[in-house]
Amino acid sequence: MKAIISAALVMLSLATSASAQGANSAAPDEQTVRDAYIYLLGRALVIRQEHMDRKGQGFAYNTIKYNPLGSADFVNPNFDVAYLEAWFAVDDESAAILEVPEVNGRYYTAQILDEWGEVIANINERTFPTKPFGKFALVKPGSNAKIPADAGRIELHSSKAKMLGRVELKGDPDGAVKLQRAFRTTTLGQPVIAPPPAMPEFNNNDLIGIEIFDNVDARLGSALDVAPNAAAMQQKVRTVAAYAASGSDARAQVDAQIRRLIPEFKEYALTKSAPTRNHWTGGSPAVGQYGSDFWLRGSVNYAGIWANNTDEVIYFAATRDADNRPLNGANSYIIHFPADKLPDRAVDAYWSVILVGVPDYRVVPNPLKRYNFNNHSSLQKEADGSLKIAIGPKPVAGVPESNWLPSADGKPFSLTFRAYVPKDIVRRGEWQPAPVTMVK
């Protein structure tokens, strides 16, 4: 009861403080509101995901969730791997121990991200060649926790972190699941774990509005942002929050600015957040570790949260066809890779393409339960060695049915192409997926 009363007093104090500041504050200019909203949205999307994850059956911090093959309850899932995920939570005196098994002959990584969506580390043989497996101690910065001598120390950016583990299926799902289950966690000590900041429910179609500026001190203070412009951006956030708290007219004014901004942000996230070639948007070198680019970070958290950095994967997204028309499930399309530009030639690990609905970016149910293709799919090539992938509400004439990705008739969709451990030709921007051409 005391804890509840104390929390209520803190909330009241924050609201009173914001109101007092706002009473003497002038209206921020429109650019300040734009910057503050997009910056804070990146954090709000991660907070939303933590709330969603906590509602999952059997959720607990420092406990791995071994996702069944073919399932992943977040946007743009990856069906080419055995997934595992966890939320780590530690304090000054505790640590989370992650045990990574030895994996040979197939792609794997344990990707650790902070509470803003920034990649902290990938544990695998490429990035950790001196210790690609074994025990790792995840600790809060400056932690006093005593960790085992055989554990590699990884300092988080704050007291929490998200892990996504991936083990490539590679035509051997049983072997992948065995390795997936060999990832284990334990907790050293008894960490005091704070719940995520309160956040109104919202979805990608109806993004959060003025409510994002309520209780900003709790939202900003809950996780360190390592971006070099974090202090400046957070000052803008607090300026807008104080003004919005100064009265109903100010609150309505800021909300109206946000509502005008949201369509622009969505358009940017889908078509302008990275270079566009062949009507595929992707290949930005800043994905995963964003520097000062809070628009890109917010866009990625919106359309594909927990994106990895470009050393591990380069993502391409398509929402429009070769004639620049929005992709629609009522139409039929073909992606035709020439024999000298096959996806296999672009990667050192694997490639995949997945179809997801818009604006939720989750898989589209279909009777075949076929949501994606990858380099282990039973795809038939053309006589000249080229590869055609068909998309539509029914099989497309001239393309083998084994190469058909079903779409939902009349509903918009997006395609995501992943190039895992991309070759230099992809990193240099000299390779991208073939255009999505409508069958007329």
Protein backbone atom coordinates (compact mmCIF):
# COMPACT_ATOMS: atom_id res chain seq x y z
CA MET A 1 0.00 0.00 0.00
CA LYS A 2 2.83 2.41 0.89
CA ALA A 3 4.42 1.75 -2.49
CA ILE A 4 1.15 2.54 -4.28
CA ILE A 5 0.68 5.78 -2.34
CA SER A 6 4.30 6.77 -2.97
CA ALA A 7 3.94 6.14 -6.72
CA ALA A 8 0.75 8.21 -6.80
CA LEU A 9 2.49 11.11 -5.05
CA VAL A 10 5.35 10.97 -7.55
CA MET A 11 2.91 11.05 -10.47
CA LEU A 12 1.06 14.01 -8.93
CA SER A 13 4.34 15.83 -8.38
CA LEU A 14 5.40 15.30 -12.01
CA ALA A 15 2.06 16.54 -13.33
CA THR A 16 2.14 19.60 -11.05
CA SER A 17 5.74 20.35 -12.08
CA ALA A 18 4.91 20.12 -15.79
CA SER A 19 1.87 22.35 -15.32
CA ALA A 20 3.89 24.94 -13.43
CA GLN A 21 6.55 25.00 -16.13
CA GLY A 22 3.92 25.22 -18.84
CA ALA A 23 2.17 28.17 -17.22
CA ASN A 24 5.17 30.34 -18.08
CA SER A 25 6.19 28.72 -21.36
CA ALA A 26 5.63 30.07 -24.84
CA ALA A 27 4.30 27.85 -27.59
CA PRO A 28 7.17 25.84 -29.13
CA ASP A 29 7.63 26.25 -32.86
CA GLU A 30 6.40 23.51 -35.17
CA GLN A 31 9.88 22.07 -35.80
CA THR A 32 10.39 21.58 -32.07
CA VAL A 33 7.08 19.71 -31.82
CA ARG A 34 8.00 17.55 -34.83
CA ASP A 35 11.43 16.69 -33.46
CA ALA A 36 10.10 16.01 -29.96
CA TYR A 37 7.30 13.73 -31.15
CA ILE A 38 9.36 11.60 -33.57
CA TYR A 39 12.19 11.28 -31.05
CA LEU A 40 9.88 10.18 -28.24
CA LEU A 41 7.88 7.88 -30.52
CA GLY A 42 10.97 5.67 -30.92
CA ARG A 43 10.95 5.04 -27.16
CA ALA A 44 7.15 4.73 -26.98
CA LEU A 45 7.17 1.91 -29.52
CA VAL A 46 9.66 -0.07 -27.41
CA ILE A 47 7.64 0.58 -24.26
CA ARG A 48 4.56 -0.66 -26.11
CA GLN A 49 6.42 -3.84 -27.11
CA GLU A 50 7.54 -4.49 -23.53
CA HIS A 51 3.94 -4.17 -22.32
CA MET A 52 2.83 -6.57 -25.06
CA ASP A 53 5.55 -9.08 -24.22
CA ARG A 54 4.72 -8.97 -20.50
CA LYS A 55 1.18 -10.07 -21.32
CA GLY A 56 2.47 -13.27 -22.90
CA GLN A 57 1.80 -16.56 -21.18
CA GLY A 58 4.50 -17.44 -18.66
CA PHE A 59 6.41 -14.20 -19.14
CA ALA A 60 9.21 -13.49 -16.69
CA TYR A 61 12.30 -11.33 -16.91
CA ASN A 62 15.60 -13.19 -17.36
CA THR A 63 13.67 -16.14 -18.76
CA ILE A 64 13.94 -17.31 -22.37
CA LYS A 65 10.83 -17.75 -24.46
CA TYR A 66 11.49 -20.48 -27.02
CA ASN A 67 9.17 -19.59 -29.87
CA PRO A 68 7.65 -22.56 -31.70
CA LEU A 69 8.80 -22.82 -35.29
CA GLY A 70 6.72 -20.62 -37.57
CA SER A 71 5.58 -18.18 -34.90
CA ALA A 72 6.73 -14.79 -33.65
CA ASP A 73 4.36 -12.30 -32.12
CA PHE A 74 5.85 -9.06 -33.39
CA VAL A 75 6.02 -7.15 -36.63
CA ASN A 76 7.90 -8.59 -39.60
CA PRO A 77 8.74 -11.96 -38.03
CA ASN A 78 11.47 -14.19 -39.42
CA PHE A 79 10.35 -17.72 -40.32
CA ASP A 80 13.79 -18.86 -41.51
CA VAL A 81 15.11 -19.44 -38.01
CA ALA A 82 14.32 -20.96 -34.65
CA TYR A 83 13.62 -17.86 -32.58
CA LEU A 84 14.18 -17.30 -28.92
CA GLU A 85 13.63 -14.07 -27.03
CA ALA A 86 13.97 -12.66 -23.56
CA TRP A 87 13.82 -9.46 -21.56
CA PHE A 88 16.80 -9.09 -19.26
CA ALA A 89 16.52 -6.99 -16.11
CA VAL A 90 19.33 -6.32 -13.64
CA ASP A 91 20.34 -3.76 -11.01
CA ASP A 92 23.60 -2.60 -9.44
CA GLU A 93 24.12 -5.83 -7.50
CA SER A 94 22.77 -8.46 -9.91
CA ALA A 95 23.53 -9.97 -13.30
CA ALA A 96 21.80 -12.09 -15.90
CA ILE A 97 23.82 -15.04 -17.18
CA LEU A 98 23.23 -16.05 -20.78
CA GLU A 99 24.63 -19.37 -21.99
CA VAL A 100 25.13 -19.64 -25.75
CA PRO A 101 25.72 -23.11 -27.21
CA GLU A 102 28.41 -23.92 -29.76
CA VAL A 103 26.84 -23.73 -33.22
CA ASN A 104 28.62 -25.01 -36.31
CA GLY A 105 27.65 -24.86 -39.96
CA ARG A 106 24.62 -22.63 -39.71
CA TYR A 107 23.82 -18.99 -39.02
CA TYR A 108 23.14 -17.98 -35.43
CA THR A 109 23.28 -14.89 -33.28
CA ALA A 110 22.19 -13.67 -29.86
CA GLN A 111 21.26 -10.06 -30.55
CA ILE A 112 21.10 -7.79 -27.49
CA LEU A 113 19.24 -4.46 -27.81
CA ASP A 114 18.60 -1.57 -25.49
CA GLU A 115 15.31 0.08 -24.56
CA TRP A 116 15.46 2.50 -27.47
CA GLY A 117 15.99 -0.23 -30.08
CA GLU A 118 19.76 0.22 -30.40
CA VAL A 119 21.89 -2.90 -30.88
CA ILE A 120 24.31 -3.41 -27.98
CA ALA A 121 25.96 -6.60 -29.24
CA ASN A 122 25.59 -9.72 -31.35
CA ILE A 123 27.08 -12.86 -29.86
CA ASN A 124 28.33 -15.11 -32.67
CA GLU A 125 31.55 -16.26 -34.28
CA ARG A 126 31.85 -13.16 -36.48
CA THR A 127 31.56 -10.42 -33.86
CA PHE A 128 32.93 -12.38 -30.87
CA PRO A 129 35.63 -14.53 -32.52
CA THR A 130 37.54 -14.97 -29.23
CA LYS A 131 34.39 -16.13 -27.41
CA PRO A 132 31.61 -17.13 -29.82
CA PHE A 133 29.78 -19.29 -27.26
CA GLY A 134 29.72 -20.07 -23.55
CA LYS A 135 28.64 -17.91 -20.60
CA PHE A 136 28.03 -14.16 -20.79
CA ALA A 137 27.15 -11.89 -17.88
CA LEU A 138 24.78 -9.05 -18.77
CA VAL A 139 25.17 -6.23 -16.26
CA LYS A 140 24.00 -2.68 -15.67
CA PRO A 141 26.64 -0.01 -16.39
CA GLY A 142 28.96 0.30 -13.41
CA SER A 143 27.53 -2.83 -11.82
CA ASN A 144 29.06 -4.23 -8.65
CA ALA A 145 27.74 -7.72 -9.33
CA LYS A 146 30.24 -10.55 -8.91
CA ILE A 147 30.22 -12.62 -12.07
CA PRO A 148 31.74 -16.06 -12.79
CA ALA A 149 35.33 -16.05 -14.01
CA ASP A 150 34.35 -17.91 -17.19
CA ALA A 151 31.61 -15.42 -18.14
CA GLY A 152 32.21 -12.67 -20.68
CA ARG A 153 31.01 -9.33 -19.31
CA ILE A 154 28.59 -7.32 -21.45
CA GLU A 155 27.51 -3.94 -20.09
CA LEU A 156 23.99 -2.96 -21.03
CA HIS A 157 22.93 0.64 -21.64
CA SER A 158 20.49 0.62 -18.72
CA SER A 159 18.89 -1.86 -16.36
CA LYS A 160 16.96 -3.72 -19.09
CA ALA A 161 17.67 -5.18 -22.50
CA LYS A 162 15.89 -7.29 -25.08
CA MET A 163 17.44 -10.39 -26.63
CA LEU A 164 16.51 -11.96 -29.92
CA GLY A 165 18.26 -15.24 -30.61
CA ARG A 166 18.18 -16.82 -34.06
CA VAL A 167 19.33 -20.24 -35.21
CA GLU A 168 19.02 -20.91 -38.93
CA LEU A 169 16.76 -23.84 -39.82
CA LYS A 170 18.85 -24.68 -42.90
CA GLY A 171 16.63 -27.57 -43.87
CA ASP A 172 17.10 -29.22 -40.47
CA PRO A 173 14.38 -27.87 -38.15
CA ASP A 174 14.93 -30.56 -35.50
CA GLY A 175 18.61 -29.68 -35.23
CA ALA A 176 17.76 -25.97 -35.04
CA VAL A 177 15.26 -26.55 -32.24
CA LYS A 178 17.80 -28.60 -30.30
CA LEU A 179 20.26 -25.72 -30.50
CA GLN A 180 17.55 -23.19 -29.70
CA ARG A 181 16.79 -25.02 -26.46
CA ALA A 182 20.48 -25.05 -25.55
CA PHE A 183 20.40 -21.28 -24.97
CA ARG A 184 19.81 -20.82 -21.24
CA THR A 185 19.61 -18.02 -18.69
CA THR A 186 20.05 -17.73 -14.94
CA THR A 187 19.96 -14.75 -12.58
CA LEU A 188 22.69 -13.85 -10.10
CA GLY A 189 21.16 -12.00 -7.18
CA GLN A 190 17.64 -10.67 -6.78
CA PRO A 191 17.26 -7.62 -9.01
CA VAL A 192 14.66 -4.99 -8.25
CA ILE A 193 12.74 -4.76 -11.51
CA ALA A 194 10.69 -1.68 -12.33
CA PRO A 195 7.68 -2.14 -14.62
CA PRO A 196 7.77 -0.29 -17.94
CA PRO A 197 6.37 3.24 -17.83
CA ALA A 198 2.61 3.51 -18.26
CA MET A 199 1.58 3.95 -21.88
CA PRO A 200 -1.90 4.19 -23.45
CA GLU A 201 -2.59 1.37 -25.89
CA PHE A 202 -2.17 2.31 -29.54
CA ASN A 203 -1.56 0.52 -32.82
CA ASN A 204 0.31 1.28 -36.02
CA ASN A 205 -2.83 2.44 -37.77
CA ASP A 206 -3.75 4.87 -34.99
CA LEU A 207 -0.48 6.08 -33.53
CA ILE A 208 -0.38 7.72 -30.12
CA GLY A 209 -1.10 11.45 -30.09
CA ILE A 210 -0.70 14.12 -27.42
CA GLU A 211 -0.72 11.44 -24.70
CA ILE A 212 2.87 10.67 -25.62
CA PHE A 213 3.89 13.85 -23.77
CA ASP A 214 2.22 12.87 -20.51
CA ASN A 215 4.57 11.77 -17.73
CA VAL A 216 7.63 12.27 -19.94
CA ASP A 217 10.08 12.26 -17.05
CA ALA A 218 9.16 8.66 -16.25
CA ARG A 219 9.43 7.62 -19.90
CA LEU A 220 12.73 9.35 -20.56
CA GLY A 221 14.22 8.45 -17.19
CA SER A 222 13.43 4.76 -17.51
CA ALA A 223 16.22 4.07 -20.02
CA LEU A 224 19.48 5.72 -21.08
CA ASP A 225 19.61 6.83 -24.69
CA VAL A 226 23.12 6.50 -26.13
CA ALA A 227 22.39 8.76 -29.11
CA PRO A 228 24.82 11.70 -29.24
CA ASN A 229 21.94 14.18 -29.52
CA ALA A 230 19.88 12.65 -26.68
CA ALA A 231 20.26 15.58 -24.25
CA ALA A 232 19.20 18.15 -26.84
CA MET A 233 16.25 16.07 -28.02
CA GLN A 234 15.06 15.35 -24.49
CA GLN A 235 15.08 19.07 -23.73
CA LYS A 236 12.77 19.56 -26.71
CA VAL A 237 10.51 16.79 -25.41
CA ARG A 238 10.25 18.43 -21.99
CA THR A 239 9.59 21.85 -23.56
CA VAL A 240 6.68 20.49 -25.58
CA ALA A 241 5.37 18.49 -22.61
CA ALA A 242 5.41 21.56 -20.37
CA TYR A 243 3.56 23.64 -22.93
CA ALA A 244 0.95 20.92 -23.54
CA ALA A 245 0.35 20.74 -19.78
CA SER A 246 -0.29 24.47 -19.53
CA GLY A 247 -3.92 24.31 -20.59
CA SER A 248 -6.53 22.61 -22.76
CA ASP A 249 -5.96 24.99 -25.69
CA ALA A 250 -2.22 24.32 -25.69
CA ARG A 251 -2.83 20.57 -25.47
CA ALA A 252 -5.26 20.68 -28.39
CA GLN A 253 -2.83 22.79 -30.44
CA VAL A 254 0.03 20.32 -30.00
CA ASP A 255 -2.25 17.36 -30.68
CA ALA A 256 -3.36 18.95 -33.96
CA GLN A 257 0.29 19.36 -35.00
CA ILE A 258 0.95 15.72 -34.16
CA ARG A 259 -2.05 14.56 -36.22
CA ARG A 260 -0.72 16.46 -39.23
CA LEU A 261 2.70 14.93 -38.73
CA ILE A 262 1.67 11.27 -38.39
CA PRO A 263 0.80 10.65 -42.10
CA GLU A 264 4.09 12.26 -43.11
CA PHE A 265 5.97 10.03 -40.67
CA LYS A 266 4.27 6.88 -41.99
CA GLU A 267 5.12 7.82 -45.56
CA TYR A 268 8.71 8.52 -44.57
CA ALA A 269 9.02 5.24 -42.66
CA LEU A 270 7.80 3.18 -45.60
CA THR A 271 9.40 4.93 -48.56
CA LYS A 272 12.03 7.48 -47.53
CA SER A 273 13.86 6.19 -44.46
CA ALA A 274 16.57 4.53 -46.57
CA PRO A 275 17.81 4.54 -50.18
CA THR A 276 15.23 3.30 -52.69
CA ARG A 277 16.25 1.20 -55.68
CA ASN A 278 13.89 -0.88 -57.84
CA HIS A 279 11.15 0.47 -55.53
CA TRP A 280 12.73 -1.41 -52.60
CA THR A 281 13.70 0.78 -49.66
CA GLY A 282 16.66 -0.40 -47.61
CA GLY A 283 20.36 -0.63 -47.14
CA SER A 284 20.81 2.28 -44.76
CA PRO A 285 24.15 1.81 -42.95
CA ALA A 286 22.75 3.31 -39.73
CA VAL A 287 20.11 0.66 -39.01
CA GLY A 288 20.56 -0.97 -35.61
CA GLN A 289 22.95 1.71 -34.35
CA TYR A 290 21.36 4.98 -35.37
CA GLY A 291 23.65 7.75 -34.18
CA SER A 292 21.66 11.01 -34.24
CA ASP A 293 19.07 9.79 -36.77
CA PHE A 294 15.98 9.57 -34.56
CA TRP A 295 13.68 9.62 -37.61
CA LEU A 296 15.28 6.40 -38.87
CA ARG A 297 15.17 4.82 -35.41
CA GLY A 298 11.51 5.68 -35.01
CA SER A 299 10.75 4.37 -38.50
CA VAL A 300 12.46 1.04 -37.85
CA ASN A 301 10.79 0.63 -34.45
CA TYR A 302 7.48 1.34 -36.19
CA ALA A 303 7.82 -1.01 -39.17
CA GLY A 304 10.18 -3.73 -37.90
CA ILE A 305 11.12 -3.44 -34.26
CA TRP A 306 14.38 -5.06 -33.09
CA ALA A 307 16.17 -4.58 -36.40
CA ASN A 308 19.78 -5.74 -36.41
CA ASN A 309 22.80 -3.83 -37.69
CA THR A 310 24.10 -4.12 -41.22
CA ASP A 311 27.03 -6.37 -40.31
CA GLU A 312 24.41 -9.03 -39.60
CA VAL A 313 21.62 -8.25 -42.03
CA ILE A 314 20.46 -5.69 -44.57
CA TYR A 315 16.72 -5.24 -44.89
CA PHE A 316 14.81 -4.13 -47.97
CA ALA A 317 11.10 -3.28 -47.89
CA ALA A 318 8.68 -2.84 -50.79
CA THR A 319 5.23 -1.29 -50.55
CA ARG A 320 4.99 -0.24 -54.22
CA ASP A 321 5.36 -2.01 -57.54
CA ALA A 322 7.61 -1.17 -60.49
CA ASP A 323 5.08 1.45 -61.66
CA ASN A 324 5.06 3.07 -58.19
CA ARG A 325 1.57 1.88 -57.32
CA PRO A 326 0.82 0.58 -53.79
CA LEU A 327 0.98 -3.20 -53.52
CA ASN A 328 -2.53 -4.64 -53.31
CA GLY A 329 -3.54 -8.22 -52.63
CA ALA A 330 -6.12 -8.14 -55.40
CA ASN A 331 -3.37 -7.97 -58.03
CA SER A 332 -0.81 -10.50 -59.20
CA TYR A 333 2.91 -9.68 -59.24
CA ILE A 334 6.18 -11.28 -60.28
CA ILE A 335 9.68 -10.71 -58.88
CA HIS A 336 12.10 -11.90 -61.56
CA PHE A 337 15.74 -12.33 -60.50
CA PRO A 338 18.12 -12.66 -63.50
CA ALA A 339 20.47 -15.64 -63.39
CA ASP A 340 23.46 -13.39 -62.67
CA LYS A 341 21.69 -11.54 -59.82
CA LEU A 342 20.14 -14.37 -57.85
CA PRO A 343 19.62 -13.74 -54.13
CA ASP A 344 22.03 -16.54 -53.23
CA ARG A 345 24.87 -14.51 -54.72
CA ALA A 346 24.18 -11.58 -52.38
CA VAL A 347 24.71 -13.30 -49.02
CA ASP A 348 27.20 -15.36 -47.05
CA ALA A 349 24.47 -16.78 -44.78
CA TYR A 350 20.94 -16.80 -46.18
CA TRP A 351 18.20 -14.66 -47.75
CA SER A 352 14.46 -14.56 -47.33
CA VAL A 353 11.40 -12.64 -48.48
CA ILE A 354 8.21 -12.38 -46.44
CA LEU A 355 4.75 -10.94 -47.14
CA VAL A 356 3.05 -9.01 -44.32
CA GLY A 357 -0.11 -6.95 -44.05
CA VAL A 358 -0.22 -3.16 -43.81
CA PRO A 359 -0.34 -1.33 -41.42
CA ASP A 360 0.17 -4.02 -38.75
CA TYR A 361 3.16 -5.68 -40.51
CA ARG A 362 2.11 -9.12 -39.36
CA VAL A 363 1.78 -12.21 -41.53
CA VAL A 364 -1.30 -12.62 -43.71
CA PRO A 365 -3.15 -15.88 -42.96
CA ASN A 366 -3.66 -18.21 -45.92
CA PRO A 367 -4.72 -21.87 -46.33
CA LEU A 368 -1.21 -22.94 -47.35
CA LYS A 369 0.33 -21.29 -44.25
CA ARG A 370 2.95 -20.05 -46.68
CA TYR A 371 4.30 -16.69 -45.60
CA ASN A 372 7.82 -16.50 -46.96
CA PHE A 373 10.52 -18.00 -49.14
CA ASN A 374 14.24 -18.41 -48.50
CA ASN A 375 17.27 -20.09 -50.01
CA HIS A 376 16.13 -23.46 -48.62
CA SER A 377 12.62 -23.25 -50.09
CA SER A 378 11.69 -25.62 -52.92
CA LEU A 379 11.72 -22.95 -55.59
CA GLN A 380 11.89 -23.89 -59.26
CA LYS A 381 14.16 -21.86 -61.53
CA GLU A 382 13.50 -20.95 -65.15
CA ALA A 383 15.28 -22.72 -67.99
CA ASP A 384 17.78 -19.85 -68.24
CA GLY A 385 18.68 -20.12 -64.53
CA SER A 386 16.67 -17.10 -63.45
CA LEU A 387 14.16 -17.18 -60.60
CA LYS A 388 10.57 -15.97 -60.55
CA ILE A 389 8.56 -15.45 -57.36
CA ALA A 390 4.83 -14.88 -57.84
CA ILE A 391 2.54 -12.99 -55.48
CA GLY A 392 -1.24 -12.75 -55.65
CA PRO A 393 -4.60 -14.03 -54.38
CA LYS A 394 -4.20 -17.14 -56.58
CA PRO A 395 -1.36 -18.83 -58.48
CA VAL A 396 0.06 -16.79 -61.32
CA ALA A 397 0.10 -18.22 -64.83
CA GLY A 398 3.58 -19.05 -66.06
CA VAL A 399 5.12 -19.37 -62.59
CA PRO A 400 5.32 -22.71 -60.74
CA GLU A 401 2.82 -22.88 -57.87
CA SER A 402 5.73 -23.77 -55.57
CA ASN A 403 7.00 -20.21 -56.19
CA TRP A 404 3.70 -18.50 -55.23
CA LEU A 405 3.24 -16.34 -52.12
CA PRO A 406 -0.50 -15.90 -51.38
CA SER A 407 -1.87 -12.40 -50.73
CA ALA A 408 -5.17 -11.32 -49.19
CA ASP A 409 -7.53 -10.23 -51.97
CA GLY A 410 -8.08 -6.48 -51.91
CA LYS A 411 -5.86 -5.74 -48.92
CA PRO A 412 -2.58 -3.78 -48.98
CA PHE A 413 0.64 -5.59 -48.18
CA SER A 414 4.37 -5.08 -47.83
CA LEU A 415 7.34 -7.28 -48.68
CA THR A 416 10.50 -7.52 -46.59
CA PHE A 417 13.67 -8.99 -48.08
CA ARG A 418 16.45 -9.96 -45.67
CA ALA A 419 20.06 -10.48 -46.69
CA TYR A 420 21.82 -12.16 -43.75
CA VAL A 421 25.57 -11.59 -43.61
CA PRO A 422 25.40 -9.58 -46.82
CA LYS A 423 28.25 -9.54 -49.28
CA ASP A 424 30.13 -6.33 -50.05
CA ILE A 425 28.12 -5.83 -53.24
CA VAL A 426 25.02 -5.40 -51.07
CA ARG A 427 26.78 -3.17 -48.55
CA ARG A 428 27.96 -0.90 -51.36
CA GLY A 429 24.41 -0.54 -52.67
CA GLU A 430 25.23 -2.34 -55.92
CA TRP A 431 22.68 -5.13 -55.40
CA GLN A 432 19.03 -4.98 -54.45
CA PRO A 433 16.03 -7.25 -55.03
CA ALA A 434 14.44 -7.22 -58.47
CA PRO A 435 11.40 -4.95 -58.89
CA VAL A 436 7.89 -6.17 -58.04
CA THR A 437 6.10 -6.08 -61.41
CA MET A 438 2.32 -6.29 -61.70
CA VAL A 439 0.95 -8.86 -64.11
CA LYS A 440 -1.30 -6.90 -66.46
